Amino acid sequence: MRAYIGRQEAVTVEDFAELALGTPVELWLGVEGETDEERAAREDAARDILADNPEMPDDLVRIAAQVIEDNPDLFDVIPLTRPARRRRPARKGVAA
């Protein structure tokens, strides 16, 4: 089954995120090994986008809340059980 957002096909999770954000995910998260200059340029571009679209953070929170509400099973938390502690057998003897 193929998934399209607008006219764009979304194949990976990253595709869905990029299409939802309208920008590449790397713009917001950065990439491993980026230089200080690359990071500054990326952050500058992100600031420009937010300045042009100040409601974007609220829209993203609204989208995330809707995804959680529509798919609660994705966020089920299962408590992990702890293994029973093994006790050492009591030593019978005289301490040196």
Protein backbone atom coordinates (compact mmCIF):
# COMPACT_ATOMS: atom_id res chain seq x y z
CA MET A 1 0.00 0.00 0.00
CA ARG A 2 1.32 3.42 -0.90
CA ALA A 3 0.82 6.51 1.22
CA TYR A 4 0.64 9.97 -0.29
CA ILE A 5 0.58 13.34 1.38
CA GLY A 6 -0.55 15.79 -1.23
CA ARG A 7 1.18 14.62 -4.37
CA GLN A 8 4.25 13.30 -2.54
CA GLU A 9 4.67 9.64 -1.75
CA ALA A 10 5.79 8.94 1.80
CA VAL A 11 7.83 5.76 2.03
CA THR A 12 9.74 6.10 5.29
CA VAL A 13 9.04 7.59 8.71
CA GLU A 14 11.41 10.39 7.76
CA ASP A 15 9.31 11.10 4.64
CA PHE A 16 6.17 11.44 6.75
CA ALA A 17 7.93 13.75 9.21
CA GLU A 18 9.38 15.90 6.43
CA LEU A 19 6.03 16.20 4.69
CA ALA A 20 4.29 17.01 7.99
CA LEU A 21 6.86 19.64 8.90
CA GLY A 22 7.24 20.99 5.40
CA THR A 23 11.00 20.96 5.95
CA PRO A 24 13.67 18.29 6.22
CA VAL A 25 13.91 16.75 9.71
CA GLU A 26 17.66 17.36 9.65
CA LEU A 27 16.99 21.12 9.70
CA TRP A 28 15.60 20.81 13.22
CA LEU A 29 17.67 17.93 14.57
CA GLY A 30 20.97 18.47 12.84
CA VAL A 31 23.24 15.77 11.53
CA GLU A 32 26.06 13.90 13.15
CA GLY A 33 29.43 15.49 12.55
CA GLU A 34 28.19 18.88 11.40
CA THR A 35 30.63 21.73 11.83
CA ASP A 36 29.95 24.79 13.97
CA GLU A 37 29.50 26.78 10.76
CA GLU A 38 26.98 24.26 9.37
CA ARG A 39 25.11 24.25 12.67
CA ALA A 40 24.94 28.05 12.74
CA ALA A 41 23.61 28.12 9.17
CA ARG A 42 21.03 25.42 9.97
CA GLU A 43 19.84 27.23 13.09
CA ASP A 44 19.66 30.51 11.16
CA ALA A 45 17.48 28.87 8.51
CA ALA A 46 15.25 27.39 11.23
CA ARG A 47 14.85 30.82 12.85
CA ASP A 48 13.85 32.30 9.48
CA ILE A 49 11.24 29.59 8.97
CA LEU A 50 9.80 30.14 12.45
CA ALA A 51 9.76 33.90 11.91
CA ASP A 52 7.78 33.39 8.68
CA ASN A 53 5.47 30.85 10.30
CA PRO A 54 5.13 31.63 14.03
CA GLU A 55 2.20 29.24 14.48
CA MET A 56 4.27 26.26 13.32
CA PRO A 57 5.21 24.98 16.82
CA ASP A 58 1.55 25.07 17.91
CA ASP A 59 0.50 23.27 14.73
CA LEU A 60 3.10 20.56 15.32
CA VAL A 61 2.00 20.05 18.92
CA ARG A 62 -1.59 19.79 17.71
CA ILE A 63 -0.57 17.19 15.09
CA ALA A 64 1.40 15.17 17.67
CA ALA A 65 -1.53 15.24 20.09
CA GLN A 66 -3.86 14.03 17.34
CA VAL A 67 -1.50 11.19 16.42
CA ILE A 68 -1.34 10.10 20.07
CA GLU A 69 -5.12 10.31 20.40
CA ASP A 70 -5.71 8.36 17.17
CA ASN A 71 -3.06 5.70 17.91
CA PRO A 72 -2.91 5.10 21.67
CA ASP A 73 -1.60 1.57 21.10
CA LEU A 74 1.65 3.05 19.79
CA PHE A 75 2.30 4.55 23.19
CA ASP A 76 1.34 1.67 25.49
CA VAL A 77 3.84 1.28 28.27
CA ILE A 78 4.41 -2.16 29.67
CA PRO A 79 6.05 -2.34 33.08
CA LEU A 80 9.11 -4.54 33.15
CA THR A 81 9.31 -7.12 35.88
CA ARG A 82 12.45 -7.40 37.92
CA PRO A 83 13.99 -10.81 38.27
CA ALA A 84 13.77 -12.26 41.75
CA ARG A 85 16.92 -11.63 43.77
CA ARG A 86 18.90 -14.73 44.40
CA ARG A 87 20.02 -15.12 47.95
CA ARG A 88 23.33 -16.56 48.78
CA PRO A 89 23.16 -19.60 50.98
CA ALA A 90 24.11 -18.85 54.55
CA ARG A 91 27.67 -19.90 55.30
CA LYS A 92 28.14 -22.00 58.32
CA GLY A 93 31.52 -21.63 59.76
CA VAL A 94 33.81 -19.43 61.75
CA ALA A 95 35.08 -16.18 60.40
CA ALA A 96 38.81 -15.88 60.33
